[in-house]
Amino acid sequence: MVKLDVITTRGGDGGETSLGDGSRVRKDALRVDAYGTVDEANAAIGMLRLHVDAEADAMLARIQNDLFDLGADLCVPGTGPDRLRITEGQCLRLEQEVAAMNADIAPLNSFILPAGTPGAAHTHLVRTIARRAERLVVALAAVEPVNPDAVKYLNRLSDHMFVLGRRLNDNGRADVKWVPGASR
């Protein structure tokens, strides 16, 4: 159980922070950047939830909890099972939700712009933050052991946000299509 009774600790005033295992690292460490970007995606989902229906809100609430699991996973170095880790089951749930949403949407015949309804526009913001988090976790995995499901989850999350954005754009009918060279 988490108990936070003191918020201002001054422990980070020197530019360092504690990881989940108690070790201290610089605040600009790749691991901190990775889980910080996951937190940023979570905050963007909080904004997205203001613009969606009840079904999408339920999916997004589950995703927000998953992202806390992912942050907990990333803040503890190593890949052992002794800590909270993102799981294959969480990745599979995202895949199933993507497939269910995509079943009612016409295939794309053009790239789309990150626009449309307010909800769709917010999904694209989350999608791009999730992609940045994924790049950071991949970079971290190149130098330290990382749970492979962490990368997989972020990859599925960006797919989920793309398809959810199309769903929120009247199942793709209100997608804003890219017109190559239109502004020349």
Protein backbone atom coordinates (compact mmCIF):
# COMPACT_ATOMS: atom_id res chain seq x y z
CA MET A 1 0.00 0.00 0.00
CA VAL A 2 1.20 3.50 -0.80
CA LYS A 3 1.16 6.14 1.90
CA LEU A 4 2.12 9.70 1.00
CA ASP A 5 1.83 11.98 3.98
CA VAL A 6 4.79 14.25 3.18
CA ILE A 7 4.89 15.58 -0.38
CA THR A 8 7.70 18.14 -0.17
CA THR A 9 10.73 16.12 0.93
CA ARG A 10 13.52 18.28 -0.57
CA GLY A 11 15.19 14.99 -1.52
CA GLY A 12 15.33 15.96 -5.19
CA ASP A 13 16.65 19.49 -4.72
CA GLY A 14 20.13 18.39 -5.81
CA GLY A 15 18.93 16.95 -9.10
CA GLU A 16 18.60 13.32 -7.98
CA THR A 17 15.60 11.09 -7.31
CA SER A 18 15.02 7.67 -5.80
CA LEU A 19 14.04 4.68 -7.89
CA GLY A 20 11.61 2.06 -6.64
CA ASP A 21 14.46 -0.03 -5.23
CA GLY A 22 15.78 2.92 -3.20
CA SER A 23 18.80 3.64 -5.39
CA ARG A 24 19.47 7.27 -6.29
CA VAL A 25 19.90 8.50 -9.86
CA ARG A 26 20.04 11.82 -11.65
CA LYS A 27 16.64 13.18 -12.63
CA ASP A 28 17.72 13.23 -16.27
CA ALA A 29 18.56 9.51 -16.26
CA LEU A 30 17.05 7.57 -19.15
CA ARG A 31 14.98 5.40 -16.78
CA VAL A 32 13.48 8.48 -15.10
CA ASP A 33 12.79 10.04 -18.50
CA ALA A 34 11.03 6.84 -19.61
CA TYR A 35 8.70 6.50 -16.63
CA GLY A 36 8.18 10.27 -16.55
CA THR A 37 6.96 10.13 -20.14
CA VAL A 38 4.62 7.27 -19.23
CA ASP A 39 3.26 9.56 -16.50
CA GLU A 40 2.84 12.32 -19.10
CA ALA A 41 0.81 9.96 -21.29
CA ASN A 42 -1.34 9.12 -18.27
CA ALA A 43 -2.00 12.81 -17.60
CA ALA A 44 -2.95 13.35 -21.26
CA ILE A 45 -5.41 10.45 -20.95
CA GLY A 46 -6.96 12.27 -18.00
CA MET A 47 -7.66 15.18 -20.35
CA LEU A 48 -8.92 12.84 -23.07
CA ARG A 49 -11.44 11.31 -20.67
CA LEU A 50 -13.26 14.66 -20.57
CA HIS A 51 -14.23 14.15 -24.22
CA VAL A 52 -15.39 10.54 -24.49
CA ASP A 53 -18.44 8.35 -23.97
CA ALA A 54 -18.87 5.91 -21.08
CA GLU A 55 -17.49 2.90 -22.99
CA ALA A 56 -14.30 4.72 -23.98
CA ASP A 57 -14.00 6.19 -20.49
CA ALA A 58 -14.03 2.68 -18.99
CA MET A 59 -11.26 1.57 -21.36
CA LEU A 60 -9.24 4.67 -20.57
CA ALA A 61 -9.66 4.18 -16.80
CA ARG A 62 -8.19 0.67 -17.17
CA ILE A 63 -5.35 2.06 -19.27
CA GLN A 64 -4.57 4.73 -16.67
CA ASN A 65 -4.26 2.03 -14.01
CA ASP A 66 -2.05 0.02 -16.39
CA LEU A 67 0.18 3.04 -16.89
CA PHE A 68 0.70 3.26 -13.13
CA ASP A 69 1.67 -0.42 -13.23
CA LEU A 70 4.04 0.36 -16.08
CA GLY A 71 5.57 3.26 -14.17
CA ALA A 72 6.06 0.99 -11.17
CA ASP A 73 7.66 -1.59 -13.47
CA LEU A 74 10.04 0.94 -15.01
CA CYS A 75 11.04 2.61 -11.74
CA VAL A 76 12.59 -0.64 -10.46
CA PRO A 77 15.69 -1.74 -12.39
CA GLY A 78 15.82 -5.34 -13.58
CA THR A 79 13.18 -7.75 -14.79
CA GLY A 80 12.57 -10.05 -11.83
CA PRO A 81 9.05 -11.01 -10.80
CA ASP A 82 9.45 -9.68 -7.26
CA ARG A 83 7.91 -6.32 -8.19
CA LEU A 84 4.79 -5.13 -9.97
CA ARG A 85 5.33 -5.69 -13.68
CA ILE A 86 3.22 -5.00 -16.74
CA THR A 87 1.97 -8.33 -18.11
CA GLU A 88 1.21 -10.04 -21.39
CA GLY A 89 -2.46 -10.10 -20.34
CA GLN A 90 -2.58 -6.31 -20.21
CA CYS A 91 -1.09 -6.17 -23.72
CA LEU A 92 -3.62 -8.71 -24.98
CA ARG A 93 -6.52 -6.71 -23.53
CA LEU A 94 -5.39 -3.68 -25.55
CA GLU A 95 -5.16 -5.83 -28.70
CA GLN A 96 -8.70 -7.12 -28.13
CA GLU A 97 -10.07 -3.62 -27.58
CA VAL A 98 -8.33 -2.38 -30.75
CA ALA A 99 -9.80 -5.26 -32.77
CA ALA A 100 -13.31 -4.66 -31.38
CA MET A 101 -13.22 -0.92 -32.13
CA ASN A 102 -11.65 -1.38 -35.55
CA ALA A 103 -14.31 -3.90 -36.64
CA ASP A 104 -16.83 -1.07 -37.12
CA ILE A 105 -14.48 1.34 -38.91
CA ALA A 106 -13.86 1.45 -42.66
CA PRO A 107 -10.26 0.80 -43.72
CA LEU A 108 -8.11 3.84 -44.38
CA ASN A 109 -7.36 4.97 -47.92
CA SER A 110 -5.27 7.97 -46.81
CA PHE A 111 -3.17 9.06 -43.89
CA ILE A 112 -5.17 11.17 -41.45
CA LEU A 113 -4.27 14.32 -39.59
CA PRO A 114 -4.42 14.43 -35.79
CA ALA A 115 -7.69 16.35 -35.76
CA GLY A 116 -11.45 16.02 -35.90
CA THR A 117 -13.49 15.95 -32.72
CA PRO A 118 -11.92 17.18 -29.46
CA GLY A 119 -11.74 13.57 -28.26
CA ALA A 120 -10.01 12.39 -31.43
CA ALA A 121 -7.51 15.24 -31.30
CA HIS A 122 -6.67 14.31 -27.69
CA THR A 123 -6.19 10.65 -28.63
CA HIS A 124 -3.54 11.68 -31.13
CA LEU A 125 -1.73 13.66 -28.46
CA VAL A 126 -1.74 10.58 -26.20
CA ARG A 127 -0.61 8.46 -29.16
CA THR A 128 2.43 10.63 -29.80
CA ILE A 129 3.38 10.74 -26.11
CA ALA A 130 3.05 6.93 -25.95
CA ARG A 131 5.33 6.63 -28.99
CA ARG A 132 7.92 8.86 -27.30
CA ALA A 133 7.67 6.75 -24.14
CA GLU A 134 8.13 3.64 -26.27
CA ARG A 135 11.28 5.09 -27.88
CA LEU A 136 12.69 5.90 -24.46
CA VAL A 137 11.94 2.42 -23.09
CA VAL A 138 13.57 0.87 -26.17
CA ALA A 139 16.64 3.05 -25.59
CA LEU A 140 16.68 2.03 -21.92
CA ALA A 141 16.38 -1.65 -22.88
CA ALA A 142 19.50 -1.25 -25.03
CA VAL A 143 21.57 -0.45 -21.93
CA GLU A 144 19.71 -2.09 -19.03
CA PRO A 145 17.36 -5.05 -18.60
CA VAL A 146 13.72 -4.03 -19.11
CA ASN A 147 10.54 -6.09 -19.03
CA PRO A 148 9.82 -6.78 -22.73
CA ASP A 149 6.10 -6.40 -22.06
CA ALA A 150 6.76 -2.74 -21.22
CA VAL A 151 7.75 -2.01 -24.83
CA LYS A 152 4.93 -4.18 -26.14
CA TYR A 153 2.33 -2.41 -23.99
CA LEU A 154 3.38 1.04 -25.21
CA ASN A 155 3.31 -0.16 -28.82
CA ARG A 156 -0.23 -1.48 -28.34
CA LEU A 157 -1.25 1.71 -26.53
CA SER A 158 -0.36 3.91 -29.48
CA ASP A 159 -2.36 1.60 -31.77
CA HIS A 160 -5.26 1.79 -29.32
CA MET A 161 -5.19 5.59 -29.31
CA PHE A 162 -5.10 5.72 -33.11
CA VAL A 163 -8.14 3.47 -33.46
CA LEU A 164 -9.98 5.15 -30.57
CA GLY A 165 -9.40 8.48 -32.32
CA ARG A 166 -11.03 7.13 -35.48
CA ARG A 167 -13.92 5.76 -33.39
CA LEU A 168 -14.37 9.20 -31.80
CA ASN A 169 -14.38 10.71 -35.30
CA ASP A 170 -17.72 9.04 -36.06
CA ASN A 171 -16.05 5.69 -36.79
CA GLY A 172 -13.69 7.35 -39.26
CA ARG A 173 -16.33 9.30 -41.18
CA ALA A 174 -15.10 12.58 -39.65
CA ASP A 175 -11.38 11.78 -40.03
CA VAL A 176 -9.40 14.70 -41.42
CA LYS A 177 -7.47 13.30 -44.38
CA TRP A 178 -3.99 14.32 -45.35
CA VAL A 179 -3.81 16.00 -48.75
CA PRO A 180 -0.20 15.66 -49.93
CA GLY A 181 1.23 18.96 -51.13
CA ALA A 182 -2.01 20.86 -50.42
CA SER A 183 -0.22 23.88 -48.98
CA ARG A 184 2.41 24.38 -51.66
